[in-house]
Amino acid sequence: MNEEKLAIDTLNALGVKDVTTNRQKNNGTTMFELPTGDTVAEFNSGYIRRYLMSKHVITKRKYNTCYQLNPTYDVDWKSINHDGELMEHVNKARVLIYSRAERLKRLVSYAIKKINKSNG
């Protein structure tokens, strides 16, 4: 059994539902709804996101805001401002996960954490 199938079977066993639309599937996106009501998605671009949903009067479901679940790393950033001074900052960048199996494994870990937290 390959890692992707094992991760999907684990998500199903946890009560996670695949709510992917045909358009998302064609774009390489898979969206899941956790038993807690959270919605998460994995993208073939390497991102994993959690969506916050709000009820809309007409559509009843709408995804408003998303949060990145990818790990981060620090990136040094430099620029010269309008006064000619060198400005230095440290920004965060996202680690892209190109392996679908790895993205799904991270979603399994996230789902377990959220389900355990909701059960107290």
C-alpha atoms as a PDB file:
ATOM      1  CA  MET A   1       0.000   0.000   0.000  1.00  0.00           C
ATOM      2  CA  ASN A   2       1.508   3.340  -0.955  1.00  0.00           C
ATOM      3  CA  GLU A   3       1.829   6.296   1.423  1.00  0.00           C
ATOM      4  CA  GLU A   4      -0.873   8.414  -0.272  1.00  0.00           C
ATOM      5  CA  LYS A   5      -3.473   5.656   0.005  1.00  0.00           C
ATOM      6  CA  LEU A   6      -2.508   4.992   3.620  1.00  0.00           C
ATOM      7  CA  ALA A   7      -2.856   8.691   4.498  1.00  0.00           C
ATOM      8  CA  ILE A   8      -6.258   8.949   2.775  1.00  0.00           C
ATOM      9  CA  ASP A   9      -7.460   5.779   4.521  1.00  0.00           C
ATOM     10  CA  THR A  10      -6.301   7.254   7.842  1.00  0.00           C
ATOM     11  CA  LEU A  11      -8.176  10.493   7.145  1.00  0.00           C
ATOM     12  CA  ASN A  12     -11.318   8.487   6.318  1.00  0.00           C
ATOM     13  CA  ALA A  13     -10.946   6.500   9.548  1.00  0.00           C
ATOM     14  CA  LEU A  14     -10.747   9.797  11.470  1.00  0.00           C
ATOM     15  CA  GLY A  15     -14.082  10.868   9.974  1.00  0.00           C
ATOM     16  CA  VAL A  16     -12.610  13.372   7.523  1.00  0.00           C
ATOM     17  CA  LYS A  17     -14.730  13.899   4.385  1.00  0.00           C
ATOM     18  CA  ASP A  18     -13.388  14.652   0.929  1.00  0.00           C
ATOM     19  CA  VAL A  19     -15.343  17.721  -0.243  1.00  0.00           C
ATOM     20  CA  THR A  20     -13.329  18.382  -3.405  1.00  0.00           C
ATOM     21  CA  THR A  21     -15.270  19.908  -6.283  1.00  0.00           C
ATOM     22  CA  ASN A  22     -14.670  18.817  -9.881  1.00  0.00           C
ATOM     23  CA  ARG A  23     -12.980  22.137 -10.634  1.00  0.00           C
ATOM     24  CA  GLN A  24     -10.626  21.751  -7.670  1.00  0.00           C
ATOM     25  CA  LYS A  25      -9.830  18.173  -8.675  1.00  0.00           C
ATOM     26  CA  ASN A  26      -8.981  19.315 -12.220  1.00  0.00           C
ATOM     27  CA  ASN A  27      -6.636  21.934 -10.728  1.00  0.00           C
ATOM     28  CA  GLY A  28      -4.860  19.369  -8.550  1.00  0.00           C
ATOM     29  CA  THR A  29      -6.456  20.479  -5.278  1.00  0.00           C
ATOM     30  CA  THR A  30      -7.964  18.181  -2.668  1.00  0.00           C
ATOM     31  CA  MET A  31     -10.214  19.671   0.015  1.00  0.00           C
ATOM     32  CA  PHE A  32     -11.219  17.918   3.227  1.00  0.00           C
ATOM     33  CA  GLU A  33     -13.729  18.718   5.960  1.00  0.00           C
ATOM     34  CA  LEU A  34     -12.708  17.616   9.439  1.00  0.00           C
ATOM     35  CA  PRO A  35     -15.274  16.339  11.976  1.00  0.00           C
ATOM     36  CA  THR A  36     -14.600  19.560  13.916  1.00  0.00           C
ATOM     37  CA  GLY A  37     -15.992  21.614  11.012  1.00  0.00           C
ATOM     38  CA  ASP A  38     -12.580  22.877   9.901  1.00  0.00           C
ATOM     39  CA  THR A  39     -11.802  22.714   6.193  1.00  0.00           C
ATOM     40  CA  VAL A  40      -8.279  22.014   4.947  1.00  0.00           C
ATOM     41  CA  ALA A  41      -6.858  21.674   1.466  1.00  0.00           C
ATOM     42  CA  GLU A  42      -3.696  20.418  -0.168  1.00  0.00           C
ATOM     43  CA  PHE A  43      -2.525  21.839  -3.478  1.00  0.00           C
ATOM     44  CA  ASN A  44      -0.176  20.368  -6.078  1.00  0.00           C
ATOM     45  CA  SER A  45       1.704  23.698  -5.904  1.00  0.00           C
ATOM     46  CA  GLY A  46       3.055  22.524  -2.522  1.00  0.00           C
ATOM     47  CA  TYR A  47       0.785  24.440  -0.145  1.00  0.00           C
ATOM     48  CA  ILE A  48      -1.432  23.190   2.666  1.00  0.00           C
ATOM     49  CA  ARG A  49      -4.107  25.580   3.920  1.00  0.00           C
ATOM     50  CA  ARG A  50      -6.819  25.755   6.538  1.00  0.00           C
ATOM     51  CA  TYR A  51      -9.966  27.653   5.565  1.00  0.00           C
ATOM     52  CA  LEU A  52     -12.277  29.593   7.820  1.00  0.00           C
ATOM     53  CA  MET A  53     -15.841  29.441   6.685  1.00  0.00           C
ATOM     54  CA  SER A  54     -18.626  31.901   7.270  1.00  0.00           C
ATOM     55  CA  LYS A  55     -22.253  31.464   6.383  1.00  0.00           C
ATOM     56  CA  HIS A  56     -23.433  33.545   3.480  1.00  0.00           C
ATOM     57  CA  VAL A  57     -27.115  34.338   3.069  1.00  0.00           C
ATOM     58  CA  ILE A  58     -27.326  33.249  -0.564  1.00  0.00           C
ATOM     59  CA  THR A  59     -24.554  30.670  -1.050  1.00  0.00           C
ATOM     60  CA  LYS A  60     -24.782  29.289   2.520  1.00  0.00           C
ATOM     61  CA  ARG A  61     -21.079  28.315   2.410  1.00  0.00           C
ATOM     62  CA  LYS A  62     -18.215  30.546   1.494  1.00  0.00           C
ATOM     63  CA  TYR A  63     -14.501  30.247   2.157  1.00  0.00           C
ATOM     64  CA  ASN A  64     -13.318  33.630   3.372  1.00  0.00           C
ATOM     65  CA  THR A  65      -9.901  33.381   4.940  1.00  0.00           C
ATOM     66  CA  CYS A  66      -7.162  30.796   4.768  1.00  0.00           C
ATOM     67  CA  TYR A  67      -4.141  30.116   6.930  1.00  0.00           C
ATOM     68  CA  GLN A  68      -0.981  28.443   5.701  1.00  0.00           C
ATOM     69  CA  LEU A  69      -0.075  25.183   7.415  1.00  0.00           C
ATOM     70  CA  ASN A  70       3.301  24.830   5.681  1.00  0.00           C
ATOM     71  CA  PRO A  71       6.401  25.077   7.852  1.00  0.00           C
ATOM     72  CA  THR A  72       8.295  28.372   7.705  1.00  0.00           C
ATOM     73  CA  TYR A  73      11.921  29.450   7.608  1.00  0.00           C
ATOM     74  CA  ASP A  74      13.604  32.827   8.095  1.00  0.00           C
ATOM     75  CA  VAL A  75      14.788  34.847   5.108  1.00  0.00           C
ATOM     76  CA  ASP A  76      17.049  37.886   5.387  1.00  0.00           C
ATOM     77  CA  TRP A  77      15.665  40.841   3.464  1.00  0.00           C
ATOM     78  CA  LYS A  78      17.464  44.090   2.662  1.00  0.00           C
ATOM     79  CA  SER A  79      16.368  47.295   0.978  1.00  0.00           C
ATOM     80  CA  ILE A  80      17.372  50.923   0.799  1.00  0.00           C
ATOM     81  CA  ASN A  81      14.663  53.326   1.906  1.00  0.00           C
ATOM     82  CA  HIS A  82      13.881  56.747   0.421  1.00  0.00           C
ATOM     83  CA  ASP A  83      16.469  58.396   2.742  1.00  0.00           C
ATOM     84  CA  GLY A  84      19.235  56.155   1.420  1.00  0.00           C
ATOM     85  CA  GLU A  85      19.454  54.077   4.598  1.00  0.00           C
ATOM     86  CA  LEU A  86      19.971  50.344   4.414  1.00  0.00           C
ATOM     87  CA  MET A  87      17.043  48.538   6.018  1.00  0.00           C
ATOM     88  CA  GLU A  88      17.431  44.935   7.128  1.00  0.00           C
ATOM     89  CA  HIS A  89      14.613  42.627   8.149  1.00  0.00           C
ATOM     90  CA  VAL A  90      13.983  38.968   8.726  1.00  0.00           C
ATOM     91  CA  ASN A  91      10.876  37.680   6.946  1.00  0.00           C
ATOM     92  CA  LYS A  92       9.197  34.288   7.014  1.00  0.00           C
ATOM     93  CA  ALA A  93       8.960  32.144   3.899  1.00  0.00           C
ATOM     94  CA  ARG A  94       6.960  28.956   3.399  1.00  0.00           C
ATOM     95  CA  VAL A  95       8.479  25.561   2.757  1.00  0.00           C
ATOM     96  CA  LEU A  96       6.679  24.113  -0.254  1.00  0.00           C
ATOM     97  CA  ILE A  97       5.915  20.407   0.005  1.00  0.00           C
ATOM     98  CA  TYR A  98       5.911  18.957  -3.501  1.00  0.00           C
ATOM     99  CA  SER A  99       5.286  15.370  -2.414  1.00  0.00           C
ATOM    100  CA  ARG A 100       1.549  14.688  -2.194  1.00  0.00           C
ATOM    101  CA  ALA A 101       2.192  11.836   0.233  1.00  0.00           C
ATOM    102  CA  GLU A 102       4.035  14.207   2.563  1.00  0.00           C
ATOM    103  CA  ARG A 103       1.265  16.846   2.316  1.00  0.00           C
ATOM    104  CA  LEU A 104      -1.324  14.203   3.191  1.00  0.00           C
ATOM    105  CA  LYS A 105       0.764  12.931   6.125  1.00  0.00           C
ATOM    106  CA  ARG A 106       0.911  16.481   7.483  1.00  0.00           C
ATOM    107  CA  LEU A 107      -2.861  16.792   7.076  1.00  0.00           C
ATOM    108  CA  VAL A 108      -3.300  13.557   9.050  1.00  0.00           C
ATOM    109  CA  SER A 109      -1.182  15.002  11.868  1.00  0.00           C
ATOM    110  CA  TYR A 110      -3.134  18.260  11.773  1.00  0.00           C
ATOM    111  CA  ALA A 111      -6.488  16.418  11.777  1.00  0.00           C
ATOM    112  CA  ILE A 112      -5.481  14.287  14.774  1.00  0.00           C
ATOM    113  CA  LYS A 113      -4.376  17.379  16.681  1.00  0.00           C
ATOM    114  CA  LYS A 114      -7.613  19.277  15.949  1.00  0.00           C
ATOM    115  CA  ILE A 115      -9.875  16.300  16.715  1.00  0.00           C
ATOM    116  CA  ASN A 116      -8.090  15.626  20.017  1.00  0.00           C
ATOM    117  CA  LYS A 117      -8.314  19.306  20.955  1.00  0.00           C
ATOM    118  CA  SER A 118     -12.053  19.434  20.220  1.00  0.00           C
ATOM    119  CA  ASN A 119     -12.702  16.298  22.292  1.00  0.00           C
ATOM    120  CA  GLY A 120     -11.063  17.922  25.313  1.00  0.00           C
END
